[in-house]
Amino acid sequence: MAKKVAMVTGAGQGIGEAIAKRLAKDGFAVALVARHLDNLQKVAKEIEDAGGEAFPVTADVSNRDEVLAAVDKTIDHFGDFNVMVNNAGVAPTTPIDTVTKEDLDYVYSVNVYGTIWGIQAAHEAFKKMGHPGKIINATSQAGVVGNPNLTVYSSSKFAIRGITQVVARELAEEGTTVNAFAPGIVKTPMMYDIAHQVGQNAGKSDEWGMQTFAKDIALKRLSEPEDVANAVAFLAGPDSDYITGQTLEVDGGMQFH
């Protein structure tokens, strides 16, 4: 594969960090996006120490102008743009009776608006560079089937699946593919926070909170971030060129479809 350029949002930790490192290993020059530069610089150094190319750029994905600017900076730095991974997301615990407008505004501004701004920025870049590309969005196992206590997060991830299907149809004639990946229960800081909150709400332990999500995994182990990164690498590479509008579930067999 000739040198290609990918952007990963939420690349400072967890799944985003694992995706960025895997794409760099596969030969992509990778733009790393998050709000905090120190985390990005750490990930960038690790990629470069392993022989890859990385470019840290700060942006708040809920801000459309910042996302567009990040893509422009990436093109200026690397000279091309081929793959957008809209990975950044937030996941507070929200039992239905506790949901506020502030919860909705916060989660949707990052998860849903951020995905749309990323799609727009990538599409503009593909047109500017004169070639199609690949757009890969982060949904969730909780965006495939409703999870209790996650009204706001789960609904935002259902929305991302719908957005993926709509945009896949819109961009298909240009040759651009749009797919999503749906992680299950991944050992990341965000997942441990969710488990802690669910446990607290029930007066139980963090482990109890985690098991409320993990008990139905067919493979009987929690996911590593690298498990998800492997699937995203497939969607970013040439072997997935004839796949669009799909959600690839990477959940160890929590859901079968």
C-alpha atoms as a PDB file:
ATOM      1  CA  MET A   1       0.000   0.000   0.000  1.00  0.00           C
ATOM      2  CA  ALA A   2       1.382   3.407  -0.986  1.00  0.00           C
ATOM      3  CA  LYS A   3       1.785   5.906   1.824  1.00  0.00           C
ATOM      4  CA  LYS A   4      -1.658   7.008   2.963  1.00  0.00           C
ATOM      5  CA  VAL A   5      -2.798   9.455   5.605  1.00  0.00           C
ATOM      6  CA  ALA A   6      -5.293   8.686   8.350  1.00  0.00           C
ATOM      7  CA  MET A   7      -6.766  10.823  11.109  1.00  0.00           C
ATOM      8  CA  VAL A   8      -7.925   9.326  14.409  1.00  0.00           C
ATOM      9  CA  THR A   9      -9.959  11.421  16.829  1.00  0.00           C
ATOM     10  CA  GLY A  10      -9.824  10.633  20.523  1.00  0.00           C
ATOM     11  CA  ALA A  11      -6.297   9.334  19.925  1.00  0.00           C
ATOM     12  CA  GLY A  12      -4.833  10.285  23.296  1.00  0.00           C
ATOM     13  CA  GLN A  13      -5.810   7.082  25.112  1.00  0.00           C
ATOM     14  CA  GLY A  14      -7.778   3.846  24.999  1.00  0.00           C
ATOM     15  CA  ILE A  15      -9.242   2.619  21.728  1.00  0.00           C
ATOM     16  CA  GLY A  16      -8.139   5.698  19.772  1.00  0.00           C
ATOM     17  CA  GLU A  17      -4.532   5.265  20.854  1.00  0.00           C
ATOM     18  CA  ALA A  18      -4.613   1.587  19.851  1.00  0.00           C
ATOM     19  CA  ILE A  19      -6.142   2.427  16.457  1.00  0.00           C
ATOM     20  CA  ALA A  20      -3.527   5.099  15.758  1.00  0.00           C
ATOM     21  CA  LYS A  21      -0.669   2.742  16.635  1.00  0.00           C
ATOM     22  CA  ARG A  22      -2.090  -0.072  14.499  1.00  0.00           C
ATOM     23  CA  LEU A  23      -2.630   2.184  11.469  1.00  0.00           C
ATOM     24  CA  ALA A  24       0.905   3.521  11.837  1.00  0.00           C
ATOM     25  CA  LYS A  25       2.178  -0.063  11.963  1.00  0.00           C
ATOM     26  CA  ASP A  26       0.240  -0.725   8.743  1.00  0.00           C
ATOM     27  CA  GLY A  27       2.081   2.130   7.032  1.00  0.00           C
ATOM     28  CA  PHE A  28      -0.304   5.049   7.452  1.00  0.00           C
ATOM     29  CA  ALA A  29       0.947   8.481   8.386  1.00  0.00           C
ATOM     30  CA  VAL A  30      -1.398   9.250  11.269  1.00  0.00           C
ATOM     31  CA  ALA A  31      -2.808  12.537  12.522  1.00  0.00           C
ATOM     32  CA  LEU A  32      -3.697  12.261  16.206  1.00  0.00           C
ATOM     33  CA  VAL A  33      -6.573  14.428  17.419  1.00  0.00           C
ATOM     34  CA  ALA A  34      -7.762  15.149  20.963  1.00  0.00           C
ATOM     35  CA  ARG A  35      -8.240  18.125  23.230  1.00  0.00           C
ATOM     36  CA  HIS A  36      -5.074  17.633  25.294  1.00  0.00           C
ATOM     37  CA  LEU A  37      -1.724  17.980  23.548  1.00  0.00           C
ATOM     38  CA  ASP A  38       0.326  16.230  26.235  1.00  0.00           C
ATOM     39  CA  ASN A  39      -1.466  12.894  25.708  1.00  0.00           C
ATOM     40  CA  LEU A  40      -1.133  13.213  21.928  1.00  0.00           C
ATOM     41  CA  GLN A  41       2.578  13.995  22.130  1.00  0.00           C
ATOM     42  CA  LYS A  42       3.137  10.868  24.222  1.00  0.00           C
ATOM     43  CA  VAL A  43       1.312   8.675  21.688  1.00  0.00           C
ATOM     44  CA  ALA A  44       3.076  10.393  18.774  1.00  0.00           C
ATOM     45  CA  LYS A  45       6.485   9.745  20.328  1.00  0.00           C
ATOM     46  CA  GLU A  46       5.683   6.064  20.827  1.00  0.00           C
ATOM     47  CA  ILE A  47       4.599   5.781  17.189  1.00  0.00           C
ATOM     48  CA  GLU A  48       7.710   7.552  15.941  1.00  0.00           C
ATOM     49  CA  ASP A  49       9.983   5.487  18.197  1.00  0.00           C
ATOM     50  CA  ALA A  50       8.478   2.404  16.520  1.00  0.00           C
ATOM     51  CA  GLY A  51       9.327   3.789  13.078  1.00  0.00           C
ATOM     52  CA  GLY A  52       5.985   5.352  12.184  1.00  0.00           C
ATOM     53  CA  GLU A  53       4.840   8.860  11.318  1.00  0.00           C
ATOM     54  CA  ALA A  54       2.522  10.805  13.607  1.00  0.00           C
ATOM     55  CA  PHE A  55       1.257  14.379  13.754  1.00  0.00           C
ATOM     56  CA  PRO A  56      -0.496  15.561  16.936  1.00  0.00           C
ATOM     57  CA  VAL A  57      -3.130  18.260  16.475  1.00  0.00           C
ATOM     58  CA  THR A  58      -5.520  19.513  19.137  1.00  0.00           C
ATOM     59  CA  ALA A  59      -9.216  19.950  18.423  1.00  0.00           C
ATOM     60  CA  ASP A  60     -12.533  19.664  20.228  1.00  0.00           C
ATOM     61  CA  VAL A  61     -14.622  17.446  17.950  1.00  0.00           C
ATOM     62  CA  SER A  62     -17.822  19.162  19.072  1.00  0.00           C
ATOM     63  CA  ASN A  63     -16.530  22.338  17.379  1.00  0.00           C
ATOM     64  CA  ARG A  64     -16.992  22.103  13.618  1.00  0.00           C
ATOM     65  CA  ASP A  65     -14.424  24.792  12.803  1.00  0.00           C
ATOM     66  CA  GLU A  66     -11.760  23.060  14.889  1.00  0.00           C
ATOM     67  CA  VAL A  67     -12.354  19.725  13.140  1.00  0.00           C
ATOM     68  CA  LEU A  68     -12.141  21.316   9.690  1.00  0.00           C
ATOM     69  CA  ALA A  69      -8.964  23.125  10.735  1.00  0.00           C
ATOM     70  CA  ALA A  70      -7.406  19.905  12.034  1.00  0.00           C
ATOM     71  CA  VAL A  71      -7.948  18.211   8.681  1.00  0.00           C
ATOM     72  CA  ASP A  72      -6.491  21.214   6.832  1.00  0.00           C
ATOM     73  CA  LYS A  73      -3.415  21.131   9.100  1.00  0.00           C
ATOM     74  CA  THR A  74      -3.042  17.409   8.417  1.00  0.00           C
ATOM     75  CA  ILE A  75      -3.105  17.960   4.654  1.00  0.00           C
ATOM     76  CA  ASP A  76      -0.553  20.775   5.003  1.00  0.00           C
ATOM     77  CA  HIS A  77       1.695  18.483   7.063  1.00  0.00           C
ATOM     78  CA  PHE A  78       1.411  15.181   5.183  1.00  0.00           C
ATOM     79  CA  GLY A  79       0.215  16.309   1.748  1.00  0.00           C
ATOM     80  CA  ASP A  80      -2.798  13.989   1.477  1.00  0.00           C
ATOM     81  CA  PHE A  81      -5.827  12.655   3.328  1.00  0.00           C
ATOM     82  CA  ASN A  82      -7.315   9.184   2.902  1.00  0.00           C
ATOM     83  CA  VAL A  83      -8.988   7.819   6.034  1.00  0.00           C
ATOM     84  CA  MET A  84     -11.016   9.477   8.794  1.00  0.00           C
ATOM     85  CA  VAL A  85     -11.655   7.532  12.004  1.00  0.00           C
ATOM     86  CA  ASN A  86     -14.308   9.358  14.026  1.00  0.00           C
ATOM     87  CA  ASN A  87     -13.489   7.648  17.305  1.00  0.00           C
ATOM     88  CA  ALA A  88     -13.827  10.360  19.978  1.00  0.00           C
ATOM     89  CA  GLY A  89     -16.720   9.882  22.358  1.00  0.00           C
ATOM     90  CA  VAL A  90     -18.043  10.291  25.879  1.00  0.00           C
ATOM     91  CA  ALA A  91     -20.199   7.892  27.882  1.00  0.00           C
ATOM     92  CA  PRO A  92     -21.787   9.059  31.122  1.00  0.00           C
ATOM     93  CA  THR A  93     -24.170   6.772  32.954  1.00  0.00           C
ATOM     94  CA  THR A  94     -27.740   8.121  32.684  1.00  0.00           C
ATOM     95  CA  PRO A  95     -30.625   6.110  34.167  1.00  0.00           C
ATOM     96  CA  ILE A  96     -33.748   7.355  32.413  1.00  0.00           C
ATOM     97  CA  ASP A  97     -35.155   9.340  35.357  1.00  0.00           C
ATOM     98  CA  THR A  98     -31.914  11.274  35.761  1.00  0.00           C
ATOM     99  CA  VAL A  99     -31.474  12.461  32.149  1.00  0.00           C
ATOM    100  CA  THR A 100     -31.142  16.229  31.781  1.00  0.00           C
ATOM    101  CA  LYS A 101     -30.918  18.549  28.811  1.00  0.00           C
ATOM    102  CA  GLU A 102     -27.303  19.167  29.815  1.00  0.00           C
ATOM    103  CA  ASP A 103     -26.571  15.427  29.546  1.00  0.00           C
ATOM    104  CA  LEU A 104     -28.076  15.311  26.078  1.00  0.00           C
ATOM    105  CA  ASP A 105     -26.303  18.432  24.862  1.00  0.00           C
ATOM    106  CA  TYR A 106     -22.932  17.221  26.160  1.00  0.00           C
ATOM    107  CA  VAL A 107     -23.061  13.675  24.794  1.00  0.00           C
ATOM    108  CA  TYR A 108     -24.672  14.522  21.474  1.00  0.00           C
ATOM    109  CA  SER A 109     -22.285  17.429  20.853  1.00  0.00           C
ATOM    110  CA  VAL A 110     -19.309  15.072  21.072  1.00  0.00           C
ATOM    111  CA  ASN A 111     -20.645  11.737  19.823  1.00  0.00           C
ATOM    112  CA  VAL A 112     -23.140  12.788  17.158  1.00  0.00           C
ATOM    113  CA  TYR A 113     -22.142  16.300  16.141  1.00  0.00           C
ATOM    114  CA  GLY A 114     -18.477  15.327  16.331  1.00  0.00           C
ATOM    115  CA  THR A 115     -19.051  12.424  13.962  1.00  0.00           C
ATOM    116  CA  ILE A 116     -20.944  14.624  11.497  1.00  0.00           C
ATOM    117  CA  TRP A 117     -18.252  17.326  11.569  1.00  0.00           C
ATOM    118  CA  GLY A 118     -15.608  14.655  11.012  1.00  0.00           C
ATOM    119  CA  ILE A 119     -17.508  13.266   8.038  1.00  0.00           C
ATOM    120  CA  GLN A 120     -17.914  16.734   6.549  1.00  0.00           C
ATOM    121  CA  ALA A 121     -14.242  17.570   7.027  1.00  0.00           C
ATOM    122  CA  ALA A 122     -13.118  14.272   5.495  1.00  0.00           C
ATOM    123  CA  HIS A 123     -15.443  14.594   2.513  1.00  0.00           C
ATOM    124  CA  GLU A 124     -14.209  18.119   1.860  1.00  0.00           C
ATOM    125  CA  ALA A 125     -10.629  16.825   2.008  1.00  0.00           C
ATOM    126  CA  PHE A 126     -11.316  13.962  -0.409  1.00  0.00           C
ATOM    127  CA  LYS A 127     -12.843  16.407  -2.899  1.00  0.00           C
ATOM    128  CA  LYS A 128      -9.913  18.790  -2.490  1.00  0.00           C
ATOM    129  CA  MET A 129      -7.392  15.990  -3.073  1.00  0.00           C
ATOM    130  CA  GLY A 130      -9.362  14.624  -6.032  1.00  0.00           C
ATOM    131  CA  HIS A 131      -9.842  11.048  -4.820  1.00  0.00           C
ATOM    132  CA  PRO A 132     -12.241   8.983  -2.716  1.00  0.00           C
ATOM    133  CA  GLY A 133     -11.463   7.859   0.803  1.00  0.00           C
ATOM    134  CA  LYS A 134     -12.714   5.903   3.771  1.00  0.00           C
ATOM    135  CA  ILE A 135     -14.758   7.159   6.703  1.00  0.00           C
ATOM    136  CA  ILE A 136     -14.970   4.969   9.810  1.00  0.00           C
ATOM    137  CA  ASN A 137     -17.265   5.878  12.684  1.00  0.00           C
ATOM    138  CA  ALA A 138     -17.323   4.605  16.271  1.00  0.00           C
ATOM    139  CA  THR A 139     -20.651   3.218  17.342  1.00  0.00           C
ATOM    140  CA  SER A 140     -20.911   0.603  20.104  1.00  0.00           C
ATOM    141  CA  GLN A 141     -22.468  -2.665  21.156  1.00  0.00           C
ATOM    142  CA  ALA A 142     -24.764  -0.245  23.024  1.00  0.00           C
ATOM    143  CA  GLY A 143     -25.659   1.236  19.633  1.00  0.00           C
ATOM    144  CA  VAL A 144     -26.785  -2.188  18.387  1.00  0.00           C
ATOM    145  CA  VAL A 145     -28.944  -3.132  21.362  1.00  0.00           C
ATOM    146  CA  GLY A 146     -30.118  -0.866  24.156  1.00  0.00           C
ATOM    147  CA  ASN A 147     -28.092  -1.063  27.369  1.00  0.00           C
ATOM    148  CA  PRO A 148     -29.722  -0.193  30.709  1.00  0.00           C
ATOM    149  CA  ASN A 149     -28.612   3.029  32.412  1.00  0.00           C
ATOM    150  CA  LEU A 150     -27.155   4.382  29.156  1.00  0.00           C
ATOM    151  CA  THR A 151     -30.135   6.216  27.648  1.00  0.00           C
ATOM    152  CA  VAL A 152     -28.080   9.127  26.349  1.00  0.00           C
ATOM    153  CA  TYR A 153     -24.922   7.292  25.272  1.00  0.00           C
ATOM    154  CA  SER A 154     -26.737   4.312  23.763  1.00  0.00           C
ATOM    155  CA  SER A 155     -29.111   6.514  21.765  1.00  0.00           C
ATOM    156  CA  SER A 156     -26.195   8.595  20.469  1.00  0.00           C
ATOM    157  CA  LYS A 157     -24.515   5.425  19.218  1.00  0.00           C
ATOM    158  CA  PHE A 158     -27.717   4.243  17.519  1.00  0.00           C
ATOM    159  CA  ALA A 159     -27.722   7.630  15.776  1.00  0.00           C
ATOM    160  CA  ILE A 160     -24.174   7.083  14.535  1.00  0.00           C
ATOM    161  CA  ARG A 161     -25.168   3.783  12.946  1.00  0.00           C
ATOM    162  CA  GLY A 162     -27.955   5.587  11.102  1.00  0.00           C
ATOM    163  CA  ILE A 163     -25.664   8.413  10.017  1.00  0.00           C
ATOM    164  CA  THR A 164     -23.181   5.822   8.717  1.00  0.00           C
ATOM    165  CA  GLN A 165     -25.839   4.193   6.536  1.00  0.00           C
ATOM    166  CA  VAL A 166     -27.150   7.499   5.184  1.00  0.00           C
ATOM    167  CA  VAL A 167     -23.740   8.907   4.290  1.00  0.00           C
ATOM    168  CA  ALA A 168     -22.623   5.593   2.783  1.00  0.00           C
ATOM    169  CA  ARG A 169     -25.439   5.948   0.254  1.00  0.00           C
ATOM    170  CA  GLU A 170     -24.676   9.617  -0.371  1.00  0.00           C
ATOM    171  CA  LEU A 171     -20.966   9.090  -1.068  1.00  0.00           C
ATOM    172  CA  ALA A 172     -21.035   5.701  -2.778  1.00  0.00           C
ATOM    173  CA  GLU A 173     -21.018   7.106  -6.316  1.00  0.00           C
ATOM    174  CA  GLU A 174     -17.789   8.943  -5.493  1.00  0.00           C
ATOM    175  CA  GLY A 175     -16.158   5.689  -4.397  1.00  0.00           C
ATOM    176  CA  THR A 176     -15.908   6.716  -0.744  1.00  0.00           C
ATOM    177  CA  THR A 177     -16.898   4.034   1.749  1.00  0.00           C
ATOM    178  CA  VAL A 178     -18.486   4.775   5.126  1.00  0.00           C
ATOM    179  CA  ASN A 179     -18.575   2.101   7.814  1.00  0.00           C
ATOM    180  CA  ALA A 180     -18.756   1.834  11.587  1.00  0.00           C
ATOM    181  CA  PHE A 181     -17.208  -0.338  14.257  1.00  0.00           C
ATOM    182  CA  ALA A 182     -19.068  -1.398  17.389  1.00  0.00           C
ATOM    183  CA  PRO A 183     -16.821  -2.298  20.326  1.00  0.00           C
ATOM    184  CA  GLY A 184     -18.139  -4.321  23.221  1.00  0.00           C
ATOM    185  CA  ILE A 185     -16.703  -4.159  26.727  1.00  0.00           C
ATOM    186  CA  VAL A 186     -13.192  -2.819  26.242  1.00  0.00           C
ATOM    187  CA  LYS A 187     -10.593  -2.364  28.963  1.00  0.00           C
ATOM    188  CA  THR A 188     -10.278   1.416  28.680  1.00  0.00           C
ATOM    189  CA  PRO A 189     -10.435   4.279  31.203  1.00  0.00           C
ATOM    190  CA  MET A 190     -13.875   5.246  29.861  1.00  0.00           C
ATOM    191  CA  MET A 191     -15.286   1.732  30.348  1.00  0.00           C
ATOM    192  CA  TYR A 192     -13.967   1.506  33.898  1.00  0.00           C
ATOM    193  CA  ASP A 193     -15.646   4.862  34.633  1.00  0.00           C
ATOM    194  CA  ILE A 194     -18.980   3.530  33.315  1.00  0.00           C
ATOM    195  CA  ALA A 195     -18.680   0.368  35.410  1.00  0.00           C
ATOM    196  CA  HIS A 196     -17.882   2.441  38.492  1.00  0.00           C
ATOM    197  CA  GLN A 197     -20.914   4.675  37.964  1.00  0.00           C
ATOM    198  CA  VAL A 198     -23.277   1.737  37.341  1.00  0.00           C
ATOM    199  CA  GLY A 199     -21.968  -0.012  40.448  1.00  0.00           C
ATOM    200  CA  GLN A 200     -22.352   3.118  42.544  1.00  0.00           C
ATOM    201  CA  ASN A 201     -25.923   3.676  41.324  1.00  0.00           C
ATOM    202  CA  ALA A 202     -26.797   0.155  42.477  1.00  0.00           C
ATOM    203  CA  GLY A 203     -24.829   0.317  45.723  1.00  0.00           C
ATOM    204  CA  LYS A 204     -22.486  -2.359  44.386  1.00  0.00           C
ATOM    205  CA  SER A 205     -18.804  -2.711  43.497  1.00  0.00           C
ATOM    206  CA  ASP A 206     -16.980  -1.633  40.331  1.00  0.00           C
ATOM    207  CA  GLU A 207     -16.573  -5.322  39.433  1.00  0.00           C
ATOM    208  CA  TRP A 208     -20.338  -5.812  39.744  1.00  0.00           C
ATOM    209  CA  GLY A 209     -20.825  -2.833  37.436  1.00  0.00           C
ATOM    210  CA  MET A 210     -18.455  -4.291  34.861  1.00  0.00           C
ATOM    211  CA  GLN A 211     -20.103  -7.711  34.987  1.00  0.00           C
ATOM    212  CA  THR A 212     -23.525  -6.214  34.222  1.00  0.00           C
ATOM    213  CA  PHE A 213     -22.078  -5.553  30.759  1.00  0.00           C
ATOM    214  CA  ALA A 214     -19.558  -8.401  30.454  1.00  0.00           C
ATOM    215  CA  LYS A 215     -21.632 -11.422  31.506  1.00  0.00           C
ATOM    216  CA  ASP A 216     -22.959 -12.094  27.987  1.00  0.00           C
ATOM    217  CA  ILE A 217     -19.623 -12.197  26.121  1.00  0.00           C
ATOM    218  CA  ALA A 218     -19.451 -15.532  24.279  1.00  0.00           C
ATOM    219  CA  LEU A 219     -15.640 -15.568  24.268  1.00  0.00           C
ATOM    220  CA  LYS A 220     -15.616 -15.033  28.058  1.00  0.00           C
ATOM    221  CA  ARG A 221     -13.036 -12.267  28.144  1.00  0.00           C
ATOM    222  CA  LEU A 222     -13.095  -8.495  28.059  1.00  0.00           C
ATOM    223  CA  SER A 223     -11.809  -6.829  24.914  1.00  0.00           C
ATOM    224  CA  GLU A 224      -8.382  -5.279  24.673  1.00  0.00           C
ATOM    225  CA  PRO A 225      -8.184  -1.959  22.753  1.00  0.00           C
ATOM    226  CA  GLU A 226      -6.047  -3.806  20.198  1.00  0.00           C
ATOM    227  CA  ASP A 227      -8.949  -6.142  19.357  1.00  0.00           C
ATOM    228  CA  VAL A 228     -10.906  -3.116  18.180  1.00  0.00           C
ATOM    229  CA  ALA A 229      -7.910  -1.594  16.411  1.00  0.00           C
ATOM    230  CA  ASN A 230      -7.498  -4.787  14.366  1.00  0.00           C
ATOM    231  CA  ALA A 231     -11.049  -4.441  13.034  1.00  0.00           C
ATOM    232  CA  VAL A 232     -10.597  -0.752  12.240  1.00  0.00           C
ATOM    233  CA  ALA A 233      -7.384  -1.598  10.372  1.00  0.00           C
ATOM    234  CA  PHE A 234      -9.435  -3.912   8.143  1.00  0.00           C
ATOM    235  CA  LEU A 235     -11.975  -1.155   7.449  1.00  0.00           C
ATOM    236  CA  ALA A 236      -9.148   1.310   6.719  1.00  0.00           C
ATOM    237  CA  GLY A 237      -7.284  -1.007   4.357  1.00  0.00           C
ATOM    238  CA  PRO A 238      -7.896  -2.207   0.796  1.00  0.00           C
ATOM    239  CA  ASP A 239      -9.479  -5.535   1.794  1.00  0.00           C
ATOM    240  CA  SER A 240     -12.689  -3.690   2.764  1.00  0.00           C
ATOM    241  CA  ASP A 241     -13.040  -1.728  -0.489  1.00  0.00           C
ATOM    242  CA  TYR A 242     -16.335  -3.469  -1.378  1.00  0.00           C
ATOM    243  CA  ILE A 243     -17.903  -2.904   2.044  1.00  0.00           C
ATOM    244  CA  THR A 244     -19.929   0.209   2.856  1.00  0.00           C
ATOM    245  CA  GLY A 245     -22.757   1.209   5.165  1.00  0.00           C
ATOM    246  CA  GLN A 246     -21.957  -1.618   7.576  1.00  0.00           C
ATOM    247  CA  THR A 247     -21.383  -1.831  11.317  1.00  0.00           C
ATOM    248  CA  LEU A 248     -18.654  -4.309  12.247  1.00  0.00           C
ATOM    249  CA  GLU A 249     -19.331  -5.604  15.750  1.00  0.00           C
ATOM    250  CA  VAL A 250     -16.176  -6.294  17.740  1.00  0.00           C
ATOM    251  CA  ASP A 251     -17.712  -7.516  20.982  1.00  0.00           C
ATOM    252  CA  GLY A 252     -16.528 -11.087  21.548  1.00  0.00           C
ATOM    253  CA  GLY A 253     -19.949 -12.412  20.619  1.00  0.00           C
ATOM    254  CA  MET A 254     -22.300 -10.315  22.768  1.00  0.00           C
ATOM    255  CA  GLN A 255     -24.672  -9.853  19.823  1.00  0.00           C
ATOM    256  CA  PHE A 256     -25.184 -12.091  16.784  1.00  0.00           C
ATOM    257  CA  HIS A 257     -26.735 -10.735  13.582  1.00  0.00           C
END
